[in-house]
Amino acid sequence: SLGKVDLKNLTRDATARPTSDGTVPEYKAIIQLSLFGGLDSMNMLVPHPDGCSSLYEEYYAIRGEGLRLEAASEMIKINATSSNQPCTHFGLHSSLPGVAELYDNDGEVLFFCQ
């Protein structure tokens, strides 16, 4: 961690620069958000009971009452069949529909755990 980062006057030139063949590449960036205490990652993205029942049952048993997502009513089901994960579907917390849309529709979001 770098400690506190001041972003008030931070600017970046987002002008795409042409490659040697004259094409302009699409701008991409990796953004990591570390929300210490602000977001419980084991309550954000979990094995979905429809696509990974054995891992969901393990998650359900370990997390305990009040700390786990309860079945499909608290999850947005996202498709992970194109990844090499043990689950075909994961559940994203129901308060994150924008993230689910970016993942499912645009392929603009990826998840990684530390």
N, C-alpha and C. Protein backbone atom coordinates (compact mmCIF):
# COMPACT_ATOMS: atom_id res chain seq x y z
N SER A 1 0.84 -1.18 0.00
CA SER A 1 0.00 0.00 0.00
C SER A 1 0.87 1.23 0.00
N LEU A 2 0.42 2.23 -0.71
CA LEU A 2 1.14 3.50 -0.76
C LEU A 2 0.59 4.49 0.24
N GLY A 3 -0.36 4.08 1.04
CA GLY A 3 -1.00 5.00 1.97
C GLY A 3 -2.05 5.80 1.25
N LYS A 4 -2.31 6.99 1.75
CA LYS A 4 -3.33 7.85 1.17
C LYS A 4 -2.87 8.40 -0.17
N VAL A 5 -3.74 8.33 -1.16
CA VAL A 5 -3.43 8.84 -2.49
C VAL A 5 -4.37 10.00 -2.78
N ASP A 6 -3.83 11.16 -3.11
CA ASP A 6 -4.63 12.34 -3.41
C ASP A 6 -4.93 12.38 -4.90
N LEU A 7 -6.20 12.26 -5.25
CA LEU A 7 -6.60 12.25 -6.65
C LEU A 7 -7.24 13.56 -7.10
N LYS A 8 -7.23 14.57 -6.28
CA LYS A 8 -7.93 15.83 -6.60
C LYS A 8 -7.42 16.49 -7.87
N ASN A 9 -6.13 16.54 -8.06
CA ASN A 9 -5.57 17.24 -9.21
C ASN A 9 -4.83 16.31 -10.15
N LEU A 10 -5.15 15.04 -10.07
CA LEU A 10 -4.49 14.05 -10.91
C LEU A 10 -5.15 14.01 -12.29
N THR A 11 -4.37 14.18 -13.33
CA THR A 11 -4.91 14.10 -14.68
C THR A 11 -4.07 13.12 -15.48
N ARG A 12 -4.67 12.60 -16.53
CA ARG A 12 -3.97 11.68 -17.41
C ARG A 12 -4.37 11.98 -18.84
N ASP A 13 -3.42 11.99 -19.71
CA ASP A 13 -3.70 12.19 -21.12
C ASP A 13 -4.23 10.87 -21.67
N ALA A 14 -5.53 10.83 -21.98
CA ALA A 14 -6.15 9.59 -22.47
C ALA A 14 -6.23 9.56 -23.99
N THR A 15 -5.50 10.44 -24.65
CA THR A 15 -5.49 10.44 -26.10
C THR A 15 -4.75 9.21 -26.61
N ALA A 16 -5.46 8.43 -27.39
CA ALA A 16 -4.85 7.23 -27.93
C ALA A 16 -3.80 7.60 -28.97
N ARG A 17 -2.69 6.94 -28.90
CA ARG A 17 -1.61 7.20 -29.85
C ARG A 17 -1.59 6.09 -30.91
N PRO A 18 -1.51 6.46 -32.16
CA PRO A 18 -1.49 5.46 -33.24
C PRO A 18 -0.28 4.54 -33.13
N THR A 19 -0.47 3.30 -33.50
CA THR A 19 0.65 2.36 -33.54
C THR A 19 1.44 2.59 -34.82
N SER A 20 2.50 1.81 -35.01
CA SER A 20 3.35 1.99 -36.19
C SER A 20 2.60 1.75 -37.50
N ASP A 21 1.52 0.95 -37.48
CA ASP A 21 0.76 0.73 -38.71
C ASP A 21 -0.39 1.73 -38.89
N GLY A 22 -0.47 2.72 -37.99
CA GLY A 22 -1.46 3.78 -38.13
C GLY A 22 -2.79 3.53 -37.44
N THR A 23 -2.99 2.34 -36.88
CA THR A 23 -4.24 2.06 -36.18
C THR A 23 -4.19 2.63 -34.76
N VAL A 24 -5.34 2.95 -34.22
CA VAL A 24 -5.42 3.47 -32.86
C VAL A 24 -6.00 2.37 -31.97
N PRO A 25 -5.21 1.90 -31.03
CA PRO A 25 -5.70 0.82 -30.17
C PRO A 25 -6.76 1.31 -29.19
N GLU A 26 -7.61 0.38 -28.77
CA GLU A 26 -8.62 0.69 -27.76
C GLU A 26 -7.92 0.85 -26.42
N TYR A 27 -8.30 1.88 -25.67
CA TYR A 27 -7.68 2.11 -24.37
C TYR A 27 -8.19 1.10 -23.36
N LYS A 28 -7.28 0.48 -22.62
CA LYS A 28 -7.63 -0.46 -21.56
C LYS A 28 -6.78 -0.15 -20.34
N ALA A 29 -7.36 -0.40 -19.18
CA ALA A 29 -6.63 -0.19 -17.93
C ALA A 29 -7.06 -1.24 -16.93
N ILE A 30 -6.21 -1.55 -16.02
CA ILE A 30 -6.55 -2.42 -14.90
C ILE A 30 -6.65 -1.53 -13.67
N ILE A 31 -7.78 -1.60 -13.03
CA ILE A 31 -8.01 -0.80 -11.83
C ILE A 31 -8.27 -1.76 -10.69
N GLN A 32 -7.49 -1.64 -9.64
CA GLN A 32 -7.69 -2.47 -8.46
C GLN A 32 -8.24 -1.59 -7.36
N LEU A 33 -9.36 -1.99 -6.80
CA LEU A 33 -9.95 -1.30 -5.67
C LEU A 33 -9.71 -2.11 -4.42
N SER A 34 -9.05 -1.52 -3.44
CA SER A 34 -8.85 -2.18 -2.16
C SER A 34 -9.69 -1.42 -1.14
N LEU A 35 -10.81 -2.00 -0.78
CA LEU A 35 -11.74 -1.37 0.14
C LEU A 35 -11.62 -2.06 1.49
N PHE A 36 -10.61 -1.73 2.22
CA PHE A 36 -10.35 -2.40 3.50
C PHE A 36 -11.51 -2.14 4.45
N GLY A 37 -12.24 -3.20 4.73
CA GLY A 37 -13.39 -3.09 5.62
C GLY A 37 -14.63 -2.59 4.92
N GLY A 38 -14.50 -2.14 3.69
CA GLY A 38 -15.65 -1.56 2.98
C GLY A 38 -16.42 -2.57 2.17
N LEU A 39 -15.83 -3.71 1.89
CA LEU A 39 -16.49 -4.72 1.07
C LEU A 39 -15.90 -6.08 1.39
N ASP A 40 -16.75 -6.97 1.83
CA ASP A 40 -16.32 -8.32 2.16
C ASP A 40 -16.33 -9.14 0.87
N SER A 41 -15.16 -9.48 0.35
CA SER A 41 -15.10 -10.17 -0.95
C SER A 41 -15.80 -11.53 -0.92
N MET A 42 -15.87 -12.17 0.23
CA MET A 42 -16.57 -13.45 0.33
C MET A 42 -18.08 -13.26 0.42
N ASN A 43 -18.52 -12.01 0.34
CA ASN A 43 -19.94 -11.72 0.30
C ASN A 43 -20.27 -10.96 -0.98
N MET A 44 -19.29 -10.84 -1.86
CA MET A 44 -19.49 -10.16 -3.13
C MET A 44 -19.58 -11.16 -4.27
N LEU A 45 -18.64 -12.08 -4.34
CA LEU A 45 -18.60 -13.07 -5.42
C LEU A 45 -18.43 -14.45 -4.79
N VAL A 46 -19.45 -15.30 -5.00
CA VAL A 46 -19.45 -16.62 -4.36
C VAL A 46 -19.85 -17.69 -5.37
N PRO A 47 -19.53 -18.95 -5.10
CA PRO A 47 -20.02 -20.02 -5.97
C PRO A 47 -21.55 -19.99 -5.99
N HIS A 48 -22.15 -20.09 -7.16
CA HIS A 48 -23.62 -20.08 -7.27
C HIS A 48 -24.13 -21.51 -7.08
N PRO A 49 -25.22 -21.69 -6.33
CA PRO A 49 -25.71 -23.05 -6.11
C PRO A 49 -26.10 -23.79 -7.39
N ASP A 50 -26.47 -23.07 -8.45
CA ASP A 50 -26.84 -23.72 -9.71
C ASP A 50 -25.64 -24.17 -10.54
N GLY A 51 -24.48 -23.56 -10.33
CA GLY A 51 -23.33 -23.88 -11.17
C GLY A 51 -22.18 -24.50 -10.44
N CYS A 52 -22.34 -24.65 -9.12
CA CYS A 52 -21.23 -25.17 -8.32
C CYS A 52 -21.75 -25.55 -6.94
N SER A 53 -22.67 -26.46 -6.90
CA SER A 53 -23.37 -26.75 -5.65
C SER A 53 -22.45 -27.21 -4.53
N SER A 54 -21.43 -28.01 -4.82
CA SER A 54 -20.57 -28.50 -3.74
C SER A 54 -19.76 -27.37 -3.11
N LEU A 55 -19.23 -26.46 -3.93
CA LEU A 55 -18.49 -25.32 -3.36
C LEU A 55 -19.43 -24.33 -2.68
N TYR A 56 -20.65 -24.18 -3.20
CA TYR A 56 -21.61 -23.31 -2.52
C TYR A 56 -21.96 -23.88 -1.15
N GLU A 57 -22.15 -25.18 -1.05
CA GLU A 57 -22.46 -25.81 0.23
C GLU A 57 -21.32 -25.62 1.23
N GLU A 58 -20.08 -25.72 0.75
CA GLU A 58 -18.91 -25.48 1.60
C GLU A 58 -18.89 -24.03 2.07
N TYR A 59 -19.08 -23.09 1.13
CA TYR A 59 -19.16 -21.67 1.47
C TYR A 59 -20.26 -21.42 2.49
N TYR A 60 -21.43 -22.00 2.27
CA TYR A 60 -22.58 -21.82 3.14
C TYR A 60 -22.28 -22.29 4.56
N ALA A 61 -21.61 -23.43 4.68
CA ALA A 61 -21.29 -23.98 6.00
C ALA A 61 -20.21 -23.16 6.71
N ILE A 62 -19.21 -22.72 5.99
CA ILE A 62 -18.08 -22.01 6.60
C ILE A 62 -18.46 -20.58 7.00
N ARG A 63 -19.19 -19.88 6.14
CA ARG A 63 -19.49 -18.47 6.41
C ARG A 63 -20.41 -18.27 7.60
N GLY A 64 -21.32 -19.14 7.83
CA GLY A 64 -22.20 -19.01 8.99
C GLY A 64 -23.33 -18.02 8.79
N GLU A 65 -24.25 -18.07 9.71
CA GLU A 65 -25.45 -17.24 9.67
C GLU A 65 -25.10 -15.75 9.66
N GLY A 66 -25.73 -15.02 8.77
CA GLY A 66 -25.56 -13.57 8.72
C GLY A 66 -24.35 -13.10 7.92
N LEU A 67 -23.41 -13.99 7.62
CA LEU A 67 -22.22 -13.59 6.87
C LEU A 67 -22.20 -14.15 5.46
N ARG A 68 -23.22 -14.85 5.07
CA ARG A 68 -23.23 -15.48 3.75
C ARG A 68 -24.39 -14.96 2.92
N LEU A 69 -24.23 -15.09 1.61
CA LEU A 69 -25.34 -14.80 0.70
C LEU A 69 -26.26 -16.00 0.72
N GLU A 70 -27.54 -15.74 0.86
CA GLU A 70 -28.53 -16.81 0.95
C GLU A 70 -29.13 -17.09 -0.42
N ALA A 71 -28.68 -18.14 -1.06
CA ALA A 71 -29.24 -18.63 -2.33
C ALA A 71 -29.39 -17.54 -3.38
N ALA A 72 -30.25 -17.80 -4.34
CA ALA A 72 -30.37 -16.94 -5.52
C ALA A 72 -30.99 -15.58 -5.22
N SER A 73 -31.75 -15.45 -4.15
CA SER A 73 -32.43 -14.18 -3.87
C SER A 73 -31.47 -13.04 -3.58
N GLU A 74 -30.28 -13.32 -3.13
CA GLU A 74 -29.29 -12.29 -2.83
C GLU A 74 -28.14 -12.26 -3.84
N MET A 75 -28.30 -13.00 -4.94
CA MET A 75 -27.22 -13.09 -5.92
C MET A 75 -27.70 -12.75 -7.33
N ILE A 76 -26.78 -12.20 -8.10
CA ILE A 76 -26.96 -12.07 -9.54
C ILE A 76 -26.10 -13.16 -10.15
N LYS A 77 -26.72 -14.06 -10.87
CA LYS A 77 -26.00 -15.20 -11.45
C LYS A 77 -25.19 -14.74 -12.65
N ILE A 78 -23.88 -15.00 -12.62
CA ILE A 78 -23.03 -14.66 -13.75
C ILE A 78 -22.40 -15.93 -14.31
N ASN A 79 -22.22 -15.95 -15.61
CA ASN A 79 -21.75 -17.11 -16.33
C ASN A 79 -20.22 -17.13 -16.35
N ALA A 80 -19.65 -18.24 -15.91
CA ALA A 80 -18.19 -18.39 -15.90
C ALA A 80 -17.74 -19.57 -16.75
N THR A 81 -18.58 -19.99 -17.68
CA THR A 81 -18.24 -21.16 -18.49
C THR A 81 -17.04 -20.94 -19.40
N SER A 82 -16.72 -19.70 -19.72
CA SER A 82 -15.58 -19.44 -20.59
C SER A 82 -14.26 -19.36 -19.82
N SER A 83 -14.32 -19.45 -18.50
CA SER A 83 -13.10 -19.42 -17.68
C SER A 83 -12.68 -20.84 -17.35
N ASN A 84 -11.53 -20.98 -16.74
CA ASN A 84 -11.13 -22.34 -16.35
C ASN A 84 -11.32 -22.52 -14.84
N GLN A 85 -12.43 -22.01 -14.34
CA GLN A 85 -12.80 -22.12 -12.93
C GLN A 85 -13.55 -23.42 -12.69
N PRO A 86 -13.58 -23.90 -11.46
CA PRO A 86 -14.32 -25.12 -11.17
C PRO A 86 -15.85 -24.93 -11.20
N CYS A 87 -16.31 -23.70 -11.20
CA CYS A 87 -17.75 -23.40 -11.22
C CYS A 87 -18.16 -22.87 -12.59
N THR A 88 -19.34 -23.27 -13.05
CA THR A 88 -19.86 -22.73 -14.31
C THR A 88 -20.56 -21.40 -14.10
N HIS A 89 -21.02 -21.15 -12.88
CA HIS A 89 -21.69 -19.89 -12.55
C HIS A 89 -21.28 -19.44 -11.15
N PHE A 90 -21.20 -18.14 -11.00
CA PHE A 90 -20.94 -17.54 -9.70
C PHE A 90 -22.10 -16.63 -9.36
N GLY A 91 -22.23 -16.31 -8.10
CA GLY A 91 -23.24 -15.37 -7.66
C GLY A 91 -22.57 -14.08 -7.23
N LEU A 92 -23.02 -12.98 -7.80
CA LEU A 92 -22.52 -11.65 -7.45
C LEU A 92 -23.56 -11.01 -6.55
N HIS A 93 -23.13 -10.28 -5.54
CA HIS A 93 -24.06 -9.66 -4.60
C HIS A 93 -25.11 -8.84 -5.35
N SER A 94 -26.34 -8.94 -4.91
CA SER A 94 -27.47 -8.31 -5.62
C SER A 94 -27.40 -6.79 -5.67
N SER A 95 -26.56 -6.17 -4.87
CA SER A 95 -26.43 -4.71 -4.92
C SER A 95 -25.42 -4.25 -5.97
N LEU A 96 -24.90 -5.18 -6.79
CA LEU A 96 -23.90 -4.85 -7.81
C LEU A 96 -24.36 -5.17 -9.23
N PRO A 97 -25.57 -4.73 -9.62
CA PRO A 97 -26.04 -5.06 -10.97
C PRO A 97 -25.20 -4.42 -12.07
N GLY A 98 -24.64 -3.25 -11.82
CA GLY A 98 -23.79 -2.60 -12.82
C GLY A 98 -22.53 -3.39 -13.10
N VAL A 99 -21.95 -3.98 -12.08
CA VAL A 99 -20.75 -4.81 -12.25
C VAL A 99 -21.11 -6.07 -13.03
N ALA A 100 -22.26 -6.67 -12.70
CA ALA A 100 -22.71 -7.86 -13.42
C ALA A 100 -22.92 -7.56 -14.89
N GLU A 101 -23.49 -6.42 -15.18
CA GLU A 101 -23.73 -6.03 -16.59
C GLU A 101 -22.41 -5.86 -17.33
N LEU A 102 -21.45 -5.21 -16.71
CA LEU A 102 -20.14 -5.04 -17.34
C LEU A 102 -19.46 -6.38 -17.57
N TYR A 103 -19.60 -7.30 -16.64
CA TYR A 103 -19.00 -8.63 -16.78
C TYR A 103 -19.69 -9.44 -17.88
N ASP A 104 -21.01 -9.56 -17.79
CA ASP A 104 -21.76 -10.42 -18.71
C ASP A 104 -21.88 -9.85 -20.12
N ASN A 105 -22.22 -8.60 -20.22
CA ASN A 105 -22.54 -8.02 -21.53
C ASN A 105 -21.33 -7.49 -22.28
N ASP A 106 -20.44 -6.87 -21.57
CA ASP A 106 -19.35 -6.18 -22.25
C ASP A 106 -17.99 -6.85 -22.08
N GLY A 107 -17.88 -7.77 -21.13
CA GLY A 107 -16.58 -8.38 -20.86
C GLY A 107 -15.57 -7.37 -20.35
N GLU A 108 -16.06 -6.34 -19.69
CA GLU A 108 -15.20 -5.24 -19.25
C GLU A 108 -14.71 -5.40 -17.81
N VAL A 109 -15.17 -6.43 -17.11
CA VAL A 109 -14.77 -6.63 -15.72
C VAL A 109 -14.23 -8.03 -15.55
N LEU A 110 -13.20 -8.16 -14.77
CA LEU A 110 -12.72 -9.48 -14.39
C LEU A 110 -12.55 -9.48 -12.88
N PHE A 111 -12.60 -10.65 -12.31
CA PHE A 111 -12.47 -10.79 -10.87
C PHE A 111 -11.19 -11.53 -10.57
N PHE A 112 -10.49 -11.10 -9.53
CA PHE A 112 -9.33 -11.84 -9.07
C PHE A 112 -9.28 -11.70 -7.55
N CYS A 113 -8.78 -12.71 -6.91
CA CYS A 113 -8.70 -12.73 -5.44
C CYS A 113 -7.24 -12.74 -5.03
N GLN A 114 -6.98 -12.13 -3.92
CA GLN A 114 -5.62 -12.08 -3.41
C GLN A 114 -5.45 -13.11 -2.33
